[in-house]
Amino acid sequence: MKKFVVGLLVLVLAWSCKKDDDGEDVVIVSSRTLSEVASENDAEIREYLETHFYNYEDFATQSEGFDYTIVVDTIAGDNADKTPLIDQVESIKIKVDSDDFSLSTEETDVEHTLYYLSAREGVGVSPTVSDSLYLNYEGSLLDGSVFDSKIGTAVWLELVGTVSGFNKGLALFKSGGDVIENEDGTFEVEGSGVGMLFIPSGLAYFSSSSVGASYAPIIFKVDIFRVEETDYDLDGVPSREEDLNGDNNVSNDDTDEDGFPNYFDPDDDGDGIATLTEISDDDGNIIIPYPDTDNDGTPDYLDPDN
């Protein structure tokens, strides 16, 4: 069962790299340290935020027909009096270790600043890093080069397979509310969460050039419609509850230390009894709170000695 599940995960989360069919030379990028790049990226992002603005006036007036699409432009000429993004964004600090990118230089707890803009607060719920989202998004470099876009074509996206700056950043937004069906068969979602993320490379792809450049800060525009809980291993415990240490990373919680994180392990404590069995009654109904037979504070499905 575990082999099947892990194989499925690999298929779901694998990154598909485009083969170089043009015979171009491979560019070797010299290795750099997290702390050096973090400082450089932060300066680049802040310069961008100081010299650009978004169509905040459109969001404020909400004129008829406005589609709540974020448009960014440079503060210059006729736009010289616009309020810069730096005065409208908020930020959080996220620590990164060199092990996250298998770097030869050992660094721990290197602080990276993630900036985010909430253009419209959603009316729904905030996602966790293990949820599935239905959204529009566009990823670009600071120079405007787009490397990924789902604008106008909403998709379901599993956050557990995305870079840390994206999945942790989206937890700062909210989804939309009720779904409204139109007569032509299309539908709309009321009050979706619209915003932007400004992500340093240490919270994204770092030295990889998969976005078009190495050590490059990236920007994501997002429009979040729906949030759905996931249960990747179908063990009855929602994946968001399998982040036992509360660090917003479900991949490093492995109760039985068998190499399978709990969110992808149908037997979390490795006692040979499926988690689903240990949290269900004889009729197959999940028992809440989860059973703790020996009353030691650890539910049976995480306690091999219950």
C-alpha atoms as a PDB file:
ATOM      1  CA  MET A   1       0.000   0.000   0.000  1.00  0.00           C
ATOM      2  CA  LYS A   2       2.780   2.422   0.951  1.00  0.00           C
ATOM      3  CA  LYS A   3       4.674   1.716  -2.268  1.00  0.00           C
ATOM      4  CA  PHE A   4       1.548   2.477  -4.291  1.00  0.00           C
ATOM      5  CA  VAL A   5       0.852   5.672  -2.352  1.00  0.00           C
ATOM      6  CA  VAL A   6       4.415   6.968  -2.632  1.00  0.00           C
ATOM      7  CA  GLY A   7       4.473   6.178  -6.327  1.00  0.00           C
ATOM      8  CA  LEU A   8       1.285   8.155  -6.778  1.00  0.00           C
ATOM      9  CA  LEU A   9       2.741  11.097  -4.861  1.00  0.00           C
ATOM     10  CA  VAL A  10       5.779  11.145  -7.114  1.00  0.00           C
ATOM     11  CA  LEU A  11       3.515  11.288 -10.158  1.00  0.00           C
ATOM     12  CA  VAL A  12       1.416  14.080  -8.675  1.00  0.00           C
ATOM     13  CA  LEU A  13       4.255  16.261  -7.449  1.00  0.00           C
ATOM     14  CA  ALA A  14       6.936  15.626 -10.099  1.00  0.00           C
ATOM     15  CA  TRP A  15       8.270  18.741 -11.824  1.00  0.00           C
ATOM     16  CA  SER A  16       8.297  18.350 -15.589  1.00  0.00           C
ATOM     17  CA  CYS A  17      11.430  19.958 -17.080  1.00  0.00           C
ATOM     18  CA  LYS A  18      11.477  21.005 -20.723  1.00  0.00           C
ATOM     19  CA  LYS A  19      14.127  19.231 -22.717  1.00  0.00           C
ATOM     20  CA  ASP A  20      16.624  21.451 -24.497  1.00  0.00           C
ATOM     21  CA  ASP A  21      16.129  20.552 -28.146  1.00  0.00           C
ATOM     22  CA  ASP A  22      17.994  23.552 -29.540  1.00  0.00           C
ATOM     23  CA  GLY A  23      21.452  22.338 -28.681  1.00  0.00           C
ATOM     24  CA  GLU A  24      22.185  25.424 -26.617  1.00  0.00           C
ATOM     25  CA  ASP A  25      25.070  25.336 -24.162  1.00  0.00           C
ATOM     26  CA  VAL A  26      24.170  24.673 -20.551  1.00  0.00           C
ATOM     27  CA  VAL A  27      24.956  27.661 -18.347  1.00  0.00           C
ATOM     28  CA  ILE A  28      26.747  26.728 -15.139  1.00  0.00           C
ATOM     29  CA  VAL A  29      25.752  29.035 -12.289  1.00  0.00           C
ATOM     30  CA  SER A  30      28.220  29.398  -9.439  1.00  0.00           C
ATOM     31  CA  SER A  31      26.930  28.454  -6.005  1.00  0.00           C
ATOM     32  CA  ARG A  32      26.024  31.272  -3.645  1.00  0.00           C
ATOM     33  CA  THR A  33      25.023  31.395   0.007  1.00  0.00           C
ATOM     34  CA  LEU A  34      21.478  31.819   1.284  1.00  0.00           C
ATOM     35  CA  SER A  35      22.306  34.881   3.383  1.00  0.00           C
ATOM     36  CA  GLU A  36      24.045  36.665   0.513  1.00  0.00           C
ATOM     37  CA  VAL A  37      21.189  36.083  -1.914  1.00  0.00           C
ATOM     38  CA  ALA A  38      18.501  36.866   0.684  1.00  0.00           C
ATOM     39  CA  SER A  39      19.953  40.329   1.247  1.00  0.00           C
ATOM     40  CA  GLU A  40      20.323  40.972  -2.473  1.00  0.00           C
ATOM     41  CA  ASN A  41      16.802  39.747  -3.278  1.00  0.00           C
ATOM     42  CA  ASP A  42      15.272  41.880  -0.544  1.00  0.00           C
ATOM     43  CA  ALA A  43      16.920  44.987  -1.972  1.00  0.00           C
ATOM     44  CA  GLU A  44      15.626  44.089  -5.455  1.00  0.00           C
ATOM     45  CA  ILE A  45      12.087  43.499  -4.223  1.00  0.00           C
ATOM     46  CA  ARG A  46      12.014  46.698  -2.177  1.00  0.00           C
ATOM     47  CA  GLU A  47      13.236  48.729  -5.157  1.00  0.00           C
ATOM     48  CA  TYR A  48      10.435  47.228  -7.234  1.00  0.00           C
ATOM     49  CA  LEU A  49       7.851  48.017  -4.554  1.00  0.00           C
ATOM     50  CA  GLU A  50       9.105  51.604  -4.283  1.00  0.00           C
ATOM     51  CA  THR A  51       8.878  52.236  -8.030  1.00  0.00           C
ATOM     52  CA  HIS A  52       5.622  50.468  -8.928  1.00  0.00           C
ATOM     53  CA  PHE A  53       1.939  50.796  -8.073  1.00  0.00           C
ATOM     54  CA  TYR A  54      -1.190  48.783  -8.746  1.00  0.00           C
ATOM     55  CA  ASN A  55      -4.688  49.886  -9.779  1.00  0.00           C
ATOM     56  CA  TYR A  56      -5.823  50.415  -6.201  1.00  0.00           C
ATOM     57  CA  GLU A  57      -8.226  53.167  -7.274  1.00  0.00           C
ATOM     58  CA  ASP A  58     -10.175  50.648  -9.372  1.00  0.00           C
ATOM     59  CA  PHE A  59     -10.429  48.330  -6.373  1.00  0.00           C
ATOM     60  CA  ALA A  60     -11.619  51.241  -4.207  1.00  0.00           C
ATOM     61  CA  THR A  61     -14.363  52.448  -6.574  1.00  0.00           C
ATOM     62  CA  GLN A  62     -15.415  48.968  -7.796  1.00  0.00           C
ATOM     63  CA  SER A  63     -17.062  50.415 -10.885  1.00  0.00           C
ATOM     64  CA  GLU A  64     -19.576  48.336 -12.821  1.00  0.00           C
ATOM     65  CA  GLY A  65     -17.863  45.695 -14.929  1.00  0.00           C
ATOM     66  CA  PHE A  66     -14.568  45.811 -13.022  1.00  0.00           C
ATOM     67  CA  ASP A  67     -13.128  42.295 -13.001  1.00  0.00           C
ATOM     68  CA  TYR A  68     -10.832  42.715  -9.962  1.00  0.00           C
ATOM     69  CA  THR A  69      -7.713  42.047 -12.017  1.00  0.00           C
ATOM     70  CA  ILE A  70      -4.516  43.534 -10.606  1.00  0.00           C
ATOM     71  CA  VAL A  71      -2.623  45.751 -13.053  1.00  0.00           C
ATOM     72  CA  VAL A  72       0.861  46.981 -12.106  1.00  0.00           C
ATOM     73  CA  ASP A  73       2.651  49.950 -13.656  1.00  0.00           C
ATOM     74  CA  THR A  74       5.716  52.106 -13.066  1.00  0.00           C
ATOM     75  CA  ILE A  75       5.497  55.320 -11.041  1.00  0.00           C
ATOM     76  CA  ALA A  76       6.502  57.882 -13.668  1.00  0.00           C
ATOM     77  CA  GLY A  77       5.047  60.573 -15.920  1.00  0.00           C
ATOM     78  CA  ASP A  78       1.268  60.794 -15.498  1.00  0.00           C
ATOM     79  CA  ASN A  79       1.516  58.210 -12.714  1.00  0.00           C
ATOM     80  CA  ALA A  80       4.133  60.107 -10.698  1.00  0.00           C
ATOM     81  CA  ASP A  81       1.671  60.830  -7.907  1.00  0.00           C
ATOM     82  CA  LYS A  82       0.520  57.224  -7.381  1.00  0.00           C
ATOM     83  CA  THR A  83       0.982  55.475  -4.046  1.00  0.00           C
ATOM     84  CA  PRO A  84       3.847  52.960  -4.303  1.00  0.00           C
ATOM     85  CA  LEU A  85       3.363  49.311  -3.456  1.00  0.00           C
ATOM     86  CA  ILE A  86       5.880  49.619  -0.621  1.00  0.00           C
ATOM     87  CA  ASP A  87       3.277  51.691   1.286  1.00  0.00           C
ATOM     88  CA  GLN A  88       0.535  49.098   0.768  1.00  0.00           C
ATOM     89  CA  VAL A  89       2.176  45.718   1.271  1.00  0.00           C
ATOM     90  CA  GLU A  90       2.672  43.761   4.473  1.00  0.00           C
ATOM     91  CA  SER A  91       5.426  41.268   5.208  1.00  0.00           C
ATOM     92  CA  ILE A  92       6.350  38.203   7.226  1.00  0.00           C
ATOM     93  CA  LYS A  93       9.703  36.600   8.050  1.00  0.00           C
ATOM     94  CA  ILE A  94      10.366  32.967   7.135  1.00  0.00           C
ATOM     95  CA  LYS A  95      13.537  31.095   8.111  1.00  0.00           C
ATOM     96  CA  VAL A  96      15.335  28.862   5.623  1.00  0.00           C
ATOM     97  CA  ASP A  97      18.181  26.350   6.046  1.00  0.00           C
ATOM     98  CA  SER A  98      20.820  25.488   3.455  1.00  0.00           C
ATOM     99  CA  ASP A  99      19.676  21.858   3.706  1.00  0.00           C
ATOM    100  CA  ASP A 100      16.443  22.901   1.989  1.00  0.00           C
ATOM    101  CA  PHE A 101      18.446  23.335  -1.220  1.00  0.00           C
ATOM    102  CA  SER A 102      21.221  20.795  -0.503  1.00  0.00           C
ATOM    103  CA  LEU A 103      23.838  23.547  -0.413  1.00  0.00           C
ATOM    104  CA  SER A 104      27.456  22.820   0.472  1.00  0.00           C
ATOM    105  CA  THR A 105      27.690  25.920   2.687  1.00  0.00           C
ATOM    106  CA  GLU A 106      25.916  25.200   5.969  1.00  0.00           C
ATOM    107  CA  GLU A 107      23.535  27.949   7.086  1.00  0.00           C
ATOM    108  CA  THR A 108      20.562  27.666   9.419  1.00  0.00           C
ATOM    109  CA  ASP A 109      17.625  29.942  10.205  1.00  0.00           C
ATOM    110  CA  VAL A 110      18.414  32.477   7.474  1.00  0.00           C
ATOM    111  CA  GLU A 111      15.592  35.014   7.562  1.00  0.00           C
ATOM    112  CA  HIS A 112      13.796  35.777   4.322  1.00  0.00           C
ATOM    113  CA  THR A 113      11.144  38.474   3.975  1.00  0.00           C
ATOM    114  CA  LEU A 114       7.969  37.613   2.093  1.00  0.00           C
ATOM    115  CA  TYR A 115       5.947  40.663   1.020  1.00  0.00           C
ATOM    116  CA  TYR A 116       2.255  40.403   0.206  1.00  0.00           C
ATOM    117  CA  LEU A 117      -0.533  42.662  -0.987  1.00  0.00           C
ATOM    118  CA  SER A 118      -4.198  42.059  -0.254  1.00  0.00           C
ATOM    119  CA  ALA A 119      -6.112  43.944  -2.956  1.00  0.00           C
ATOM    120  CA  ARG A 120      -9.427  42.381  -1.936  1.00  0.00           C
ATOM    121  CA  GLU A 121      -9.901  40.331   1.206  1.00  0.00           C
ATOM    122  CA  GLY A 122     -11.825  37.171   0.495  1.00  0.00           C
ATOM    123  CA  VAL A 123     -15.011  36.335   2.356  1.00  0.00           C
ATOM    124  CA  GLY A 124     -14.186  32.650   2.808  1.00  0.00           C
ATOM    125  CA  VAL A 125     -11.512  30.767   4.723  1.00  0.00           C
ATOM    126  CA  SER A 126      -7.712  30.846   4.709  1.00  0.00           C
ATOM    127  CA  PRO A 127      -5.965  27.780   3.283  1.00  0.00           C
ATOM    128  CA  THR A 128      -3.266  25.749   4.981  1.00  0.00           C
ATOM    129  CA  VAL A 129      -0.135  24.472   3.254  1.00  0.00           C
ATOM    130  CA  SER A 130      -1.739  21.061   2.664  1.00  0.00           C
ATOM    131  CA  ASP A 131      -5.054  22.213   1.187  1.00  0.00           C
ATOM    132  CA  SER A 132      -6.264  22.141  -2.399  1.00  0.00           C
ATOM    133  CA  LEU A 133      -7.154  25.495  -3.990  1.00  0.00           C
ATOM    134  CA  TYR A 134      -9.250  26.513  -6.969  1.00  0.00           C
ATOM    135  CA  LEU A 135      -7.688  29.730  -8.240  1.00  0.00           C
ATOM    136  CA  ASN A 136      -6.274  31.900 -10.993  1.00  0.00           C
ATOM    137  CA  TYR A 137      -2.606  32.819 -10.743  1.00  0.00           C
ATOM    138  CA  GLU A 138       0.251  34.316 -12.706  1.00  0.00           C
ATOM    139  CA  GLY A 139       3.953  33.974 -11.912  1.00  0.00           C
ATOM    140  CA  SER A 140       6.509  36.456 -13.242  1.00  0.00           C
ATOM    141  CA  LEU A 141       9.966  37.872 -12.664  1.00  0.00           C
ATOM    142  CA  LEU A 142      10.469  41.457 -11.497  1.00  0.00           C
ATOM    143  CA  ASP A 143      11.041  42.513 -15.110  1.00  0.00           C
ATOM    144  CA  GLY A 144       7.544  41.320 -16.011  1.00  0.00           C
ATOM    145  CA  SER A 145       8.580  38.107 -17.768  1.00  0.00           C
ATOM    146  CA  VAL A 146       5.761  35.592 -17.184  1.00  0.00           C
ATOM    147  CA  PHE A 147       6.875  32.015 -16.489  1.00  0.00           C
ATOM    148  CA  ASP A 148       3.506  30.490 -15.532  1.00  0.00           C
ATOM    149  CA  SER A 149      -0.047  31.710 -15.968  1.00  0.00           C
ATOM    150  CA  LYS A 150      -3.533  30.416 -15.233  1.00  0.00           C
ATOM    151  CA  ILE A 151      -5.254  33.775 -15.531  1.00  0.00           C
ATOM    152  CA  GLY A 152      -8.739  33.307 -16.935  1.00  0.00           C
ATOM    153  CA  THR A 153      -8.465  29.536 -16.659  1.00  0.00           C
ATOM    154  CA  ALA A 154      -8.941  28.595 -13.016  1.00  0.00           C
ATOM    155  CA  VAL A 155      -7.317  25.344 -11.878  1.00  0.00           C
ATOM    156  CA  TRP A 156      -7.228  23.128  -8.805  1.00  0.00           C
ATOM    157  CA  LEU A 157      -3.769  23.278  -7.254  1.00  0.00           C
ATOM    158  CA  GLU A 158      -2.346  21.102  -4.467  1.00  0.00           C
ATOM    159  CA  LEU A 159      -0.337  23.465  -2.226  1.00  0.00           C
ATOM    160  CA  VAL A 160       1.780  20.684  -0.741  1.00  0.00           C
ATOM    161  CA  GLY A 161       3.713  20.463  -4.032  1.00  0.00           C
ATOM    162  CA  THR A 162       4.470  24.186  -4.385  1.00  0.00           C
ATOM    163  CA  VAL A 163       7.411  26.320  -3.217  1.00  0.00           C
ATOM    164  CA  SER A 164       7.352  27.486   0.393  1.00  0.00           C
ATOM    165  CA  GLY A 165       6.863  31.175  -0.376  1.00  0.00           C
ATOM    166  CA  PHE A 166       3.766  30.342  -2.400  1.00  0.00           C
ATOM    167  CA  ASN A 167       2.070  27.903  -0.015  1.00  0.00           C
ATOM    168  CA  LYS A 168       2.900  29.865   3.127  1.00  0.00           C
ATOM    169  CA  GLY A 169       1.982  33.124   1.407  1.00  0.00           C
ATOM    170  CA  LEU A 170      -1.436  31.934   0.294  1.00  0.00           C
ATOM    171  CA  ALA A 171      -2.275  31.135   3.915  1.00  0.00           C
ATOM    172  CA  LEU A 172      -2.329  34.933   4.389  1.00  0.00           C
ATOM    173  CA  PHE A 173      -5.337  35.280   2.062  1.00  0.00           C
ATOM    174  CA  LYS A 174      -8.934  34.071   2.121  1.00  0.00           C
ATOM    175  CA  SER A 175     -11.007  32.313  -0.493  1.00  0.00           C
ATOM    176  CA  GLY A 176     -14.328  33.367  -1.971  1.00  0.00           C
ATOM    177  CA  GLY A 177     -17.823  32.591  -0.765  1.00  0.00           C
ATOM    178  CA  ASP A 178     -20.990  31.358  -2.465  1.00  0.00           C
ATOM    179  CA  VAL A 179     -20.950  30.007  -6.013  1.00  0.00           C
ATOM    180  CA  ILE A 180     -23.380  31.754  -8.371  1.00  0.00           C
ATOM    181  CA  GLU A 181     -24.472  29.857 -11.489  1.00  0.00           C
ATOM    182  CA  ASN A 182     -25.190  31.954 -14.574  1.00  0.00           C
ATOM    183  CA  GLU A 183     -27.839  31.197 -17.207  1.00  0.00           C
ATOM    184  CA  ASP A 184     -25.160  30.430 -19.804  1.00  0.00           C
ATOM    185  CA  GLY A 185     -23.748  27.603 -17.700  1.00  0.00           C
ATOM    186  CA  THR A 186     -20.791  29.547 -16.348  1.00  0.00           C
ATOM    187  CA  PHE A 187     -20.430  30.407 -12.688  1.00  0.00           C
ATOM    188  CA  GLU A 188     -18.940  33.071 -10.467  1.00  0.00           C
ATOM    189  CA  VAL A 189     -17.640  33.028  -6.914  1.00  0.00           C
ATOM    190  CA  GLU A 190     -18.575  35.865  -4.593  1.00  0.00           C
ATOM    191  CA  GLY A 191     -15.813  37.784  -2.861  1.00  0.00           C
ATOM    192  CA  SER A 192     -12.712  35.851  -3.916  1.00  0.00           C
ATOM    193  CA  GLY A 193      -9.402  36.815  -2.336  1.00  0.00           C
ATOM    194  CA  VAL A 194      -7.238  38.861  -4.723  1.00  0.00           C
ATOM    195  CA  GLY A 195      -3.633  39.803  -4.078  1.00  0.00           C
ATOM    196  CA  MET A 196       0.055  39.515  -4.842  1.00  0.00           C
ATOM    197  CA  LEU A 197       3.075  37.741  -3.382  1.00  0.00           C
ATOM    198  CA  PHE A 198       6.641  39.016  -3.709  1.00  0.00           C
ATOM    199  CA  ILE A 199       8.896  36.055  -3.044  1.00  0.00           C
ATOM    200  CA  PRO A 200      12.708  35.964  -2.647  1.00  0.00           C
ATOM    201  CA  SER A 201      14.462  33.071  -4.386  1.00  0.00           C
ATOM    202  CA  GLY A 202      15.265  31.399  -1.052  1.00  0.00           C
ATOM    203  CA  LEU A 203      11.524  30.806  -0.663  1.00  0.00           C
ATOM    204  CA  ALA A 204      11.203  29.680  -4.274  1.00  0.00           C
ATOM    205  CA  TYR A 205      13.638  28.133  -6.753  1.00  0.00           C
ATOM    206  CA  PHE A 206      16.939  29.673  -5.522  1.00  0.00           C
ATOM    207  CA  SER A 207      19.729  28.679  -7.956  1.00  0.00           C
ATOM    208  CA  SER A 208      17.405  26.876 -10.382  1.00  0.00           C
ATOM    209  CA  SER A 209      16.742  28.703 -13.651  1.00  0.00           C
ATOM    210  CA  SER A 210      13.340  27.043 -14.112  1.00  0.00           C
ATOM    211  CA  VAL A 211      11.616  30.451 -13.986  1.00  0.00           C
ATOM    212  CA  GLY A 212      14.030  31.965 -16.507  1.00  0.00           C
ATOM    213  CA  ALA A 213      16.826  33.098 -14.199  1.00  0.00           C
ATOM    214  CA  SER A 214      18.775  31.821 -11.205  1.00  0.00           C
ATOM    215  CA  TYR A 215      18.590  33.498  -7.763  1.00  0.00           C
ATOM    216  CA  ALA A 216      15.596  35.472  -9.035  1.00  0.00           C
ATOM    217  CA  PRO A 217      12.843  36.969  -6.870  1.00  0.00           C
ATOM    218  CA  ILE A 218       9.405  36.184  -8.272  1.00  0.00           C
ATOM    219  CA  ILE A 219       5.913  37.668  -8.158  1.00  0.00           C
ATOM    220  CA  PHE A 220       2.585  35.871  -8.056  1.00  0.00           C
ATOM    221  CA  LYS A 221      -0.798  37.441  -8.699  1.00  0.00           C
ATOM    222  CA  VAL A 222      -3.552  35.288  -7.206  1.00  0.00           C
ATOM    223  CA  ASP A 223      -7.339  35.159  -7.224  1.00  0.00           C
ATOM    224  CA  ILE A 224      -8.518  32.461  -4.792  1.00  0.00           C
ATOM    225  CA  PHE A 225     -11.993  31.030  -5.326  1.00  0.00           C
ATOM    226  CA  ARG A 226     -12.282  27.875  -3.241  1.00  0.00           C
ATOM    227  CA  VAL A 227     -10.369  25.985  -0.517  1.00  0.00           C
ATOM    228  CA  GLU A 228     -10.837  22.272   0.081  1.00  0.00           C
ATOM    229  CA  GLU A 229      -9.299  20.064   2.755  1.00  0.00           C
ATOM    230  CA  THR A 230      -7.212  17.134   1.554  1.00  0.00           C
ATOM    231  CA  ASP A 231      -6.610  13.652   2.929  1.00  0.00           C
ATOM    232  CA  TYR A 232      -3.780  12.378   0.747  1.00  0.00           C
ATOM    233  CA  ASP A 233      -3.444   8.959   2.401  1.00  0.00           C
ATOM    234  CA  LEU A 234      -7.205   8.463   2.869  1.00  0.00           C
ATOM    235  CA  ASP A 235      -6.666   7.561   6.530  1.00  0.00           C
ATOM    236  CA  GLY A 236      -9.569   9.684   7.812  1.00  0.00           C
ATOM    237  CA  VAL A 237      -7.304  12.364   9.299  1.00  0.00           C
ATOM    238  CA  PRO A 238      -7.314  15.591   7.227  1.00  0.00           C
ATOM    239  CA  SER A 239      -3.826  16.383   5.944  1.00  0.00           C
ATOM    240  CA  ARG A 240      -3.908  19.792   7.646  1.00  0.00           C
ATOM    241  CA  GLU A 241      -4.185  17.998  11.019  1.00  0.00           C
ATOM    242  CA  GLU A 242      -1.047  15.953  10.280  1.00  0.00           C
ATOM    243  CA  ASP A 243       1.208  18.977  10.762  1.00  0.00           C
ATOM    244  CA  LEU A 244       1.863  17.859  14.339  1.00  0.00           C
ATOM    245  CA  ASN A 245       4.690  20.292  15.117  1.00  0.00           C
ATOM    246  CA  GLY A 246       2.734  23.248  13.745  1.00  0.00           C
ATOM    247  CA  ASP A 247       5.513  24.559  11.497  1.00  0.00           C
ATOM    248  CA  ASN A 248       3.344  24.727   8.348  1.00  0.00           C
ATOM    249  CA  ASN A 249       5.246  21.857   6.764  1.00  0.00           C
ATOM    250  CA  VAL A 250       3.495  18.474   6.665  1.00  0.00           C
ATOM    251  CA  SER A 251       6.517  16.797   5.098  1.00  0.00           C
ATOM    252  CA  ASN A 252       8.612  16.687   8.300  1.00  0.00           C
ATOM    253  CA  ASP A 253       6.052  14.972  10.575  1.00  0.00           C
ATOM    254  CA  ASP A 254       6.805  11.229  10.619  1.00  0.00           C
ATOM    255  CA  THR A 255       5.637   9.610  13.861  1.00  0.00           C
ATOM    256  CA  ASP A 256       6.957   6.093  13.165  1.00  0.00           C
ATOM    257  CA  GLU A 257      10.101   7.385  11.387  1.00  0.00           C
ATOM    258  CA  ASP A 258       9.581   5.034   8.454  1.00  0.00           C
ATOM    259  CA  GLY A 259      10.373   7.657   5.837  1.00  0.00           C
ATOM    260  CA  PHE A 260       6.705   8.301   5.018  1.00  0.00           C
ATOM    261  CA  PRO A 261       5.365  11.601   6.449  1.00  0.00           C
ATOM    262  CA  ASN A 262       2.111  11.161   8.351  1.00  0.00           C
ATOM    263  CA  TYR A 263       0.057  12.966   5.720  1.00  0.00           C
ATOM    264  CA  PHE A 264       1.075  10.231   3.267  1.00  0.00           C
ATOM    265  CA  ASP A 265       1.201   7.255   5.640  1.00  0.00           C
ATOM    266  CA  PRO A 266      -1.973   5.131   6.140  1.00  0.00           C
ATOM    267  CA  ASP A 267      -0.447   3.710   9.357  1.00  0.00           C
ATOM    268  CA  ASP A 268       0.966   6.728  11.174  1.00  0.00           C
ATOM    269  CA  ASP A 269       2.356   4.951  14.239  1.00  0.00           C
ATOM    270  CA  GLY A 270       3.622   1.869  12.385  1.00  0.00           C
ATOM    271  CA  ASP A 271       1.834  -0.616  14.662  1.00  0.00           C
ATOM    272  CA  GLY A 272       0.381  -2.634  11.801  1.00  0.00           C
ATOM    273  CA  ILE A 273      -3.140  -1.278  12.345  1.00  0.00           C
ATOM    274  CA  ALA A 274      -4.375   1.241   9.790  1.00  0.00           C
ATOM    275  CA  THR A 275      -4.962   4.750  11.084  1.00  0.00           C
ATOM    276  CA  LEU A 276      -8.501   4.660   9.676  1.00  0.00           C
ATOM    277  CA  THR A 277      -9.244   1.556  11.765  1.00  0.00           C
ATOM    278  CA  GLU A 278      -7.895   3.169  14.938  1.00  0.00           C
ATOM    279  CA  ILE A 279     -10.112   6.240  14.623  1.00  0.00           C
ATOM    280  CA  SER A 280     -13.334   4.516  13.493  1.00  0.00           C
ATOM    281  CA  ASP A 281     -16.135   2.659  15.269  1.00  0.00           C
ATOM    282  CA  ASP A 282     -17.516  -0.728  14.192  1.00  0.00           C
ATOM    283  CA  ASP A 283     -19.806   0.943  11.667  1.00  0.00           C
ATOM    284  CA  GLY A 284     -16.924   2.786  10.009  1.00  0.00           C
ATOM    285  CA  ASN A 285     -17.781   6.188  11.465  1.00  0.00           C
ATOM    286  CA  ILE A 286     -14.814   8.352  12.457  1.00  0.00           C
ATOM    287  CA  ILE A 287     -14.754   9.056  16.196  1.00  0.00           C
ATOM    288  CA  ILE A 288     -14.116  12.667  17.247  1.00  0.00           C
ATOM    289  CA  PRO A 289     -12.122  13.295  19.335  1.00  0.00           C
ATOM    290  CA  TYR A 290      -9.857  10.500  18.140  1.00  0.00           C
ATOM    291  CA  PRO A 291      -9.743   7.550  20.595  1.00  0.00           C
ATOM    292  CA  ASP A 292      -7.030   7.464  23.275  1.00  0.00           C
ATOM    293  CA  THR A 293      -7.485   4.019  24.833  1.00  0.00           C
ATOM    294  CA  ASP A 294      -4.778   4.291  27.511  1.00  0.00           C
ATOM    295  CA  ASN A 295      -5.535   7.969  28.315  1.00  0.00           C
ATOM    296  CA  ASP A 296      -1.916   9.026  27.973  1.00  0.00           C
ATOM    297  CA  GLY A 297      -2.722  12.119  25.893  1.00  0.00           C
ATOM    298  CA  THR A 298      -1.665  10.538  22.594  1.00  0.00           C
ATOM    299  CA  PRO A 299      -4.451   9.286  20.308  1.00  0.00           C
ATOM    300  CA  ASP A 300      -4.289   5.596  19.395  1.00  0.00           C
ATOM    301  CA  TYR A 301      -3.398   6.228  15.761  1.00  0.00           C
ATOM    302  CA  LEU A 302      -0.164   7.968  16.884  1.00  0.00           C
ATOM    303  CA  ASP A 303       0.556   5.621  19.801  1.00  0.00           C
ATOM    304  CA  PRO A 304       1.987   2.153  18.998  1.00  0.00           C
ATOM    305  CA  ASP A 305       1.698   1.210  22.709  1.00  0.00           C
ATOM    306  CA  ASN A 306      -2.001   2.002  23.201  1.00  0.00           C
END
